[in-house]
PDB file of N, CA and C in Angstrom:
ATOM      1  N   UNK A   1    -210.620  76.856 -17.829  1.00  0.00           N
ATOM      2  CA  UNK A   1    -210.031  77.115 -19.211  1.00  0.00           C
ATOM      3  C   UNK A   1    -209.001  76.045 -19.505  1.00  0.00           C
ATOM      4  N   UNK A   2    -209.191  75.372 -20.590  1.00  0.00           N
ATOM      5  CA  UNK A   2    -208.327  74.295 -21.002  1.00  0.00           C
ATOM      6  C   UNK A   2    -207.204  74.834 -21.879  1.00  0.00           C
ATOM      7  N   UNK A   3    -205.909  74.418 -21.452  1.00  0.00           N
ATOM      8  CA  UNK A   3    -204.698  74.814 -22.160  1.00  0.00           C
ATOM      9  C   UNK A   3    -204.496  73.814 -23.362  1.00  0.00           C
ATOM     10  N   UNK A   4    -204.524  74.400 -24.574  1.00  0.00           N
ATOM     11  CA  UNK A   4    -204.283  73.535 -25.667  1.00  0.00           C
ATOM     12  C   UNK A   4    -202.812  73.396 -25.973  1.00  0.00           C
ATOM     13  N   UNK A   5    -202.494  72.436 -26.763  1.00  0.00           N
ATOM     14  CA  UNK A   5    -201.019  72.208 -27.161  1.00  0.00           C
ATOM     15  C   UNK A   5    -200.430  73.406 -27.855  1.00  0.00           C
ATOM     16  N   UNK A   6    -201.265  74.101 -28.665  1.00  0.00           N
ATOM     17  CA  UNK A   6    -200.717  75.313 -29.336  1.00  0.00           C
ATOM     18  C   UNK A   6    -200.437  76.445 -28.306  1.00  0.00           C
ATOM     19  N   UNK A   7    -201.209  76.549 -27.337  1.00  0.00           N
ATOM     20  CA  UNK A   7    -201.021  77.595 -26.235  1.00  0.00           C
ATOM     21  C   UNK A   7    -199.691  77.280 -25.512  1.00  0.00           C
ATOM     22  N   UNK A   8    -199.546  76.026 -25.180  1.00  0.00           N
ATOM     23  CA  UNK A   8    -198.376  75.632 -24.411  1.00  0.00           C
ATOM     24  C   UNK A   8    -197.051  75.760 -25.328  1.00  0.00           C
ATOM     25  N   UNK A   9    -197.196  75.441 -26.527  1.00  0.00           N
ATOM     26  CA  UNK A   9    -196.062  75.589 -27.461  1.00  0.00           C
ATOM     27  C   UNK A   9    -195.701  77.010 -27.693  1.00  0.00           C
ATOM     28  N   UNK A  10    -196.773  77.850 -27.785  1.00  0.00           N
ATOM     29  CA  UNK A  10    -196.500  79.285 -28.078  1.00  0.00           C
ATOM     30  C   UNK A  10    -195.881  79.896 -26.817  1.00  0.00           C
ATOM     31  N   UNK A  11    -196.321  79.541 -25.638  1.00  0.00           N
ATOM     32  CA  UNK A  11    -195.805  80.114 -24.398  1.00  0.00           C
ATOM     33  C   UNK A  11    -194.289  79.632 -24.281  1.00  0.00           C
ATOM     34  N   UNK A  12    -194.017  78.344 -24.527  1.00  0.00           N
ATOM     35  CA  UNK A  12    -192.619  77.857 -24.371  1.00  0.00           C
ATOM     36  C   UNK A  12    -191.704  78.564 -25.377  1.00  0.00           C
ATOM     37  N   UNK A  13    -192.217  78.629 -26.630  1.00  0.00           N
ATOM     38  CA  UNK A  13    -191.374  79.392 -27.637  1.00  0.00           C
ATOM     39  C   UNK A  13    -191.181  80.803 -27.331  1.00  0.00           C
ATOM     40  N   UNK A  14    -192.186  81.495 -26.882  1.00  0.00           N
ATOM     41  CA  UNK A  14    -192.065  82.901 -26.465  1.00  0.00           C
ATOM     42  C   UNK A  14    -191.087  83.076 -25.317  1.00  0.00           C
ATOM     43  N   UNK A  15    -191.094  82.248 -24.371  1.00  0.00           N
ATOM     44  CA  UNK A  15    -190.228  82.275 -23.198  1.00  0.00           C
ATOM     45  C   UNK A  15    -188.856  82.028 -23.709  1.00  0.00           C
ATOM     46  N   UNK A  16    -188.594  81.062 -24.603  1.00  0.00           N
ATOM     47  CA  UNK A  16    -187.254  80.733 -25.030  1.00  0.00           C
ATOM     48  C   UNK A  16    -186.712  81.890 -25.940  1.00  0.00           C
ATOM     49  N   UNK A  17    -187.526  82.421 -26.790  1.00  0.00           N
ATOM     50  CA  UNK A  17    -187.124  83.599 -27.620  1.00  0.00           C
ATOM     51  C   UNK A  17    -186.803  84.814 -26.867  1.00  0.00           C
ATOM     52  N   UNK A  18    -187.506  85.015 -25.740  1.00  0.00           N
ATOM     53  CA  UNK A  18    -187.228  86.224 -24.938  1.00  0.00           C
ATOM     54  C   UNK A  18    -185.953  86.025 -24.144  1.00  0.00           C
ATOM     55  N   UNK A  19    -185.551  84.797 -23.769  1.00  0.00           N
ATOM     56  CA  UNK A  19    -184.337  84.536 -23.019  1.00  0.00           C
ATOM     57  C   UNK A  19    -183.046  84.483 -23.955  1.00  0.00           C
ATOM     58  N   UNK A  20    -183.300  83.964 -25.200  1.00  0.00           N
ATOM     59  CA  UNK A  20    -182.208  83.640 -26.098  1.00  0.00           C
ATOM     60  C   UNK A  20    -181.275  84.833 -26.347  1.00  0.00           C
ATOM     61  N   UNK A  21    -181.784  86.109 -26.565  1.00  0.00           N
ATOM     62  CA  UNK A  21    -180.815  87.180 -26.786  1.00  0.00           C
ATOM     63  C   UNK A  21    -179.983  87.553 -25.571  1.00  0.00           C
ATOM     64  N   UNK A  22    -180.430  87.131 -24.368  1.00  0.00           N
ATOM     65  CA  UNK A  22    -179.710  87.499 -23.194  1.00  0.00           C
ATOM     66  C   UNK A  22    -178.585  86.525 -22.892  1.00  0.00           C
ATOM     67  N   UNK A  23    -178.560  85.371 -23.650  1.00  0.00           N
ATOM     68  CA  UNK A  23    -177.497  84.347 -23.288  1.00  0.00           C
ATOM     69  C   UNK A  23    -176.263  84.731 -24.128  1.00  0.00           C
ATOM     70  N   UNK A  24    -175.119  84.565 -23.521  1.00  0.00           N
ATOM     71  CA  UNK A  24    -173.884  84.783 -24.228  1.00  0.00           C
ATOM     72  C   UNK A  24    -173.231  83.453 -24.377  1.00  0.00           C
ATOM     73  N   UNK A  25    -172.428  83.282 -25.400  1.00  0.00           N
ATOM     74  CA  UNK A  25    -171.790  81.938 -25.620  1.00  0.00           C
ATOM     75  C   UNK A  25    -170.862  81.529 -24.485  1.00  0.00           C
ATOM     76  N   UNK A  26    -170.150  82.536 -23.877  1.00  0.00           N
ATOM     77  CA  UNK A  26    -169.285  82.189 -22.735  1.00  0.00           C
ATOM     78  C   UNK A  26    -170.106  81.619 -21.595  1.00  0.00           C
ATOM     79  N   UNK A  27    -171.334  82.161 -21.316  1.00  0.00           N
ATOM     80  CA  UNK A  27    -172.214  81.738 -20.240  1.00  0.00           C
ATOM     81  C   UNK A  27    -172.662  80.258 -20.524  1.00  0.00           C
ATOM     82  N   UNK A  28    -172.950  80.006 -21.749  1.00  0.00           N
ATOM     83  CA  UNK A  28    -173.473  78.645 -22.086  1.00  0.00           C
ATOM     84  C   UNK A  28    -172.357  77.604 -21.973  1.00  0.00           C
ATOM     85  N   UNK A  29    -171.109  78.011 -22.435  1.00  0.00           N
ATOM     86  CA  UNK A  29    -169.891  77.136 -22.282  1.00  0.00           C
ATOM     87  C   UNK A  29    -169.668  76.893 -20.791  1.00  0.00           C
ATOM     88  N   UNK A  30    -169.729  77.929 -19.975  1.00  0.00           N
ATOM     89  CA  UNK A  30    -169.387  77.877 -18.522  1.00  0.00           C
ATOM     90  C   UNK A  30    -170.411  76.977 -17.907  1.00  0.00           C
ATOM     91  N   UNK A  31    -171.734  77.119 -18.239  1.00  0.00           N
ATOM     92  CA  UNK A  31    -172.736  76.344 -17.726  1.00  0.00           C
ATOM     93  C   UNK A  31    -172.522  74.911 -18.036  1.00  0.00           C
ATOM     94  N   UNK A  32    -172.180  74.577 -19.200  1.00  0.00           N
ATOM     95  CA  UNK A  32    -171.953  73.160 -19.727  1.00  0.00           C
ATOM     96  C   UNK A  32    -170.821  72.608 -18.891  1.00  0.00           C
ATOM     97  N   UNK A  33    -169.735  73.299 -18.726  1.00  0.00           N
ATOM     98  CA  UNK A  33    -168.555  72.836 -18.023  1.00  0.00           C
ATOM     99  C   UNK A  33    -168.928  72.560 -16.526  1.00  0.00           C
ATOM    100  N   UNK A  34    -169.602  73.541 -15.927  1.00  0.00           N
ATOM    101  CA  UNK A  34    -169.984  73.392 -14.530  1.00  0.00           C
ATOM    102  C   UNK A  34    -170.927  72.269 -14.312  1.00  0.00           C
ATOM    103  N   UNK A  35    -171.851  72.067 -15.240  1.00  0.00           N
ATOM    104  CA  UNK A  35    -172.822  70.943 -15.161  1.00  0.00           C
ATOM    105  C   UNK A  35    -172.091  69.595 -15.159  1.00  0.00           C
ATOM    106  N   UNK A  36    -171.099  69.478 -16.169  1.00  0.00           N
ATOM    107  CA  UNK A  36    -170.349  68.187 -16.244  1.00  0.00           C
ATOM    108  C   UNK A  36    -169.487  68.036 -15.012  1.00  0.00           C
ATOM    109  N   UNK A  37    -168.898  69.091 -14.547  1.00  0.00           N
ATOM    110  CA  UNK A  37    -168.137  68.953 -13.283  1.00  0.00           C
ATOM    111  C   UNK A  37    -169.036  68.541 -11.980  1.00  0.00           C
ATOM    112  N   UNK A  38    -170.127  69.171 -11.907  1.00  0.00           N
ATOM    113  CA  UNK A  38    -171.044  68.808 -10.879  1.00  0.00           C
ATOM    114  C   UNK A  38    -171.563  67.379 -10.979  1.00  0.00           C
ATOM    115  N   UNK A  39    -171.848  66.921 -12.160  1.00  0.00           N
ATOM    116  CA  UNK A  39    -172.305  65.487 -12.361  1.00  0.00           C
ATOM    117  C   UNK A  39    -171.179  64.515 -11.989  1.00  0.00           C
ATOM    118  N   UNK A  40    -169.983  64.838 -12.348  1.00  0.00           N
ATOM    119  CA  UNK A  40    -168.815  63.945 -11.995  1.00  0.00           C
ATOM    120  C   UNK A  40    -168.561  63.963 -10.586  1.00  0.00           C
ATOM    121  N   UNK A  41    -168.583  65.049  -9.869  1.00  0.00           N
ATOM    122  CA  UNK A  41    -168.387  65.033  -8.427  1.00  0.00           C
ATOM    123  C   UNK A  41    -169.528  64.327  -7.710  1.00  0.00           C
ATOM    124  N   UNK A  42    -170.761  64.555  -8.165  1.00  0.00           N
ATOM    125  CA  UNK A  42    -171.905  63.830  -7.628  1.00  0.00           C
ATOM    126  C   UNK A  42    -171.791  62.356  -7.715  1.00  0.00           C
ATOM    127  N   UNK A  43    -171.359  61.861  -8.894  1.00  0.00           N
ATOM    128  CA  UNK A  43    -171.239  60.402  -9.188  1.00  0.00           C
ATOM    129  C   UNK A  43    -170.094  59.889  -8.266  1.00  0.00           C
ATOM    130  N   UNK A  44    -168.974  60.594  -8.244  1.00  0.00           N
ATOM    131  CA  UNK A  44    -167.861  60.155  -7.425  1.00  0.00           C
ATOM    132  C   UNK A  44    -168.189  59.996  -5.960  1.00  0.00           C
ATOM    133  N   UNK A  45    -168.899  60.989  -5.422  1.00  0.00           N
ATOM    134  CA  UNK A  45    -169.214  61.018  -4.019  1.00  0.00           C
ATOM    135  C   UNK A  45    -170.269  59.866  -3.786  1.00  0.00           C
ATOM    136  N   UNK A  46    -171.213  59.686  -4.662  1.00  0.00           N
ATOM    137  CA  UNK A  46    -172.045  58.552  -4.399  1.00  0.00           C
ATOM    138  C   UNK A  46    -171.402  57.168  -4.454  1.00  0.00           C
ATOM    139  N   UNK A  47    -170.421  57.045  -5.353  1.00  0.00           N
ATOM    140  CA  UNK A  47    -169.646  55.791  -5.327  1.00  0.00           C
ATOM    141  C   UNK A  47    -168.840  55.672  -4.047  1.00  0.00           C
ATOM    142  N   UNK A  48    -168.232  56.748  -3.616  1.00  0.00           N
ATOM    143  CA  UNK A  48    -167.486  56.676  -2.400  1.00  0.00           C
ATOM    144  C   UNK A  48    -168.347  56.354  -1.146  1.00  0.00           C
ATOM    145  N   UNK A  49    -169.598  57.046  -1.055  1.00  0.00           N
ATOM    146  CA  UNK A  49    -170.433  56.646   0.009  1.00  0.00           C
ATOM    147  C   UNK A  49    -170.981  55.233  -0.060  1.00  0.00           C
ATOM    148  N   UNK A  50    -171.161  54.723  -1.225  1.00  0.00           N
ATOM    149  CA  UNK A  50    -171.627  53.301  -1.397  1.00  0.00           C
ATOM    150  C   UNK A  50    -170.555  52.415  -0.902  1.00  0.00           C
ATOM    151  N   UNK A  51    -169.312  52.686  -1.224  1.00  0.00           N
ATOM    152  CA  UNK A  51    -168.239  51.892  -0.816  1.00  0.00           C
ATOM    153  C   UNK A  51    -168.003  51.870   0.745  1.00  0.00           C
ATOM    154  N   UNK A  52    -168.186  53.139   1.313  1.00  0.00           N
ATOM    155  CA  UNK A  52    -168.033  53.250   2.728  1.00  0.00           C
ATOM    156  C   UNK A  52    -169.117  52.386   3.456  1.00  0.00           C
ATOM    157  N   UNK A  53    -170.341  52.542   2.967  1.00  0.00           N
ATOM    158  CA  UNK A  53    -171.448  51.742   3.637  1.00  0.00           C
ATOM    159  C   UNK A  53    -171.211  50.326   3.427  1.00  0.00           C
ATOM    160  N   UNK A  54    -170.804  49.891   2.359  1.00  0.00           N
ATOM    161  CA  UNK A  54    -170.530  48.478   2.088  1.00  0.00           C
ATOM    162  C   UNK A  54    -169.395  47.928   3.006  1.00  0.00           C
ATOM    163  N   UNK A  55    -168.386  48.795   3.211  1.00  0.00           N
ATOM    164  CA  UNK A  55    -167.267  48.399   4.031  1.00  0.00           C
ATOM    165  C   UNK A  55    -167.673  48.331   5.563  1.00  0.00           C
ATOM    166  N   UNK A  56    -168.539  49.297   5.971  1.00  0.00           N
ATOM    167  CA  UNK A  56    -168.975  49.334   7.415  1.00  0.00           C
ATOM    168  C   UNK A  56    -169.882  48.208   7.729  1.00  0.00           C
ATOM    169  N   UNK A  57    -170.634  47.762   6.699  1.00  0.00           N
ATOM    170  CA  UNK A  57    -171.666  46.708   6.930  1.00  0.00           C
ATOM    171  C   UNK A  57    -170.983  45.323   6.925  1.00  0.00           C
ATOM    172  N   UNK A  58    -169.804  45.221   6.647  1.00  0.00           N
ATOM    173  CA  UNK A  58    -169.059  43.797   6.658  1.00  0.00           C
ATOM    174  C   UNK A  58    -168.732  43.480   8.157  1.00  0.00           C
TER     175      UNK A  58
END
């Protein structure tokens, strides 16, 4: 059975619309803040590890 674009779009829209009423604005804001914090920590740790490896290889 071949999935058409309208079937995929309908499934995605239905899933989104069924989840949307369960989201609260506080949860979305908290998720955005935690995602930004996680990305910042990940970037900082990767820079730190890169610096340590560069320092040890000298």
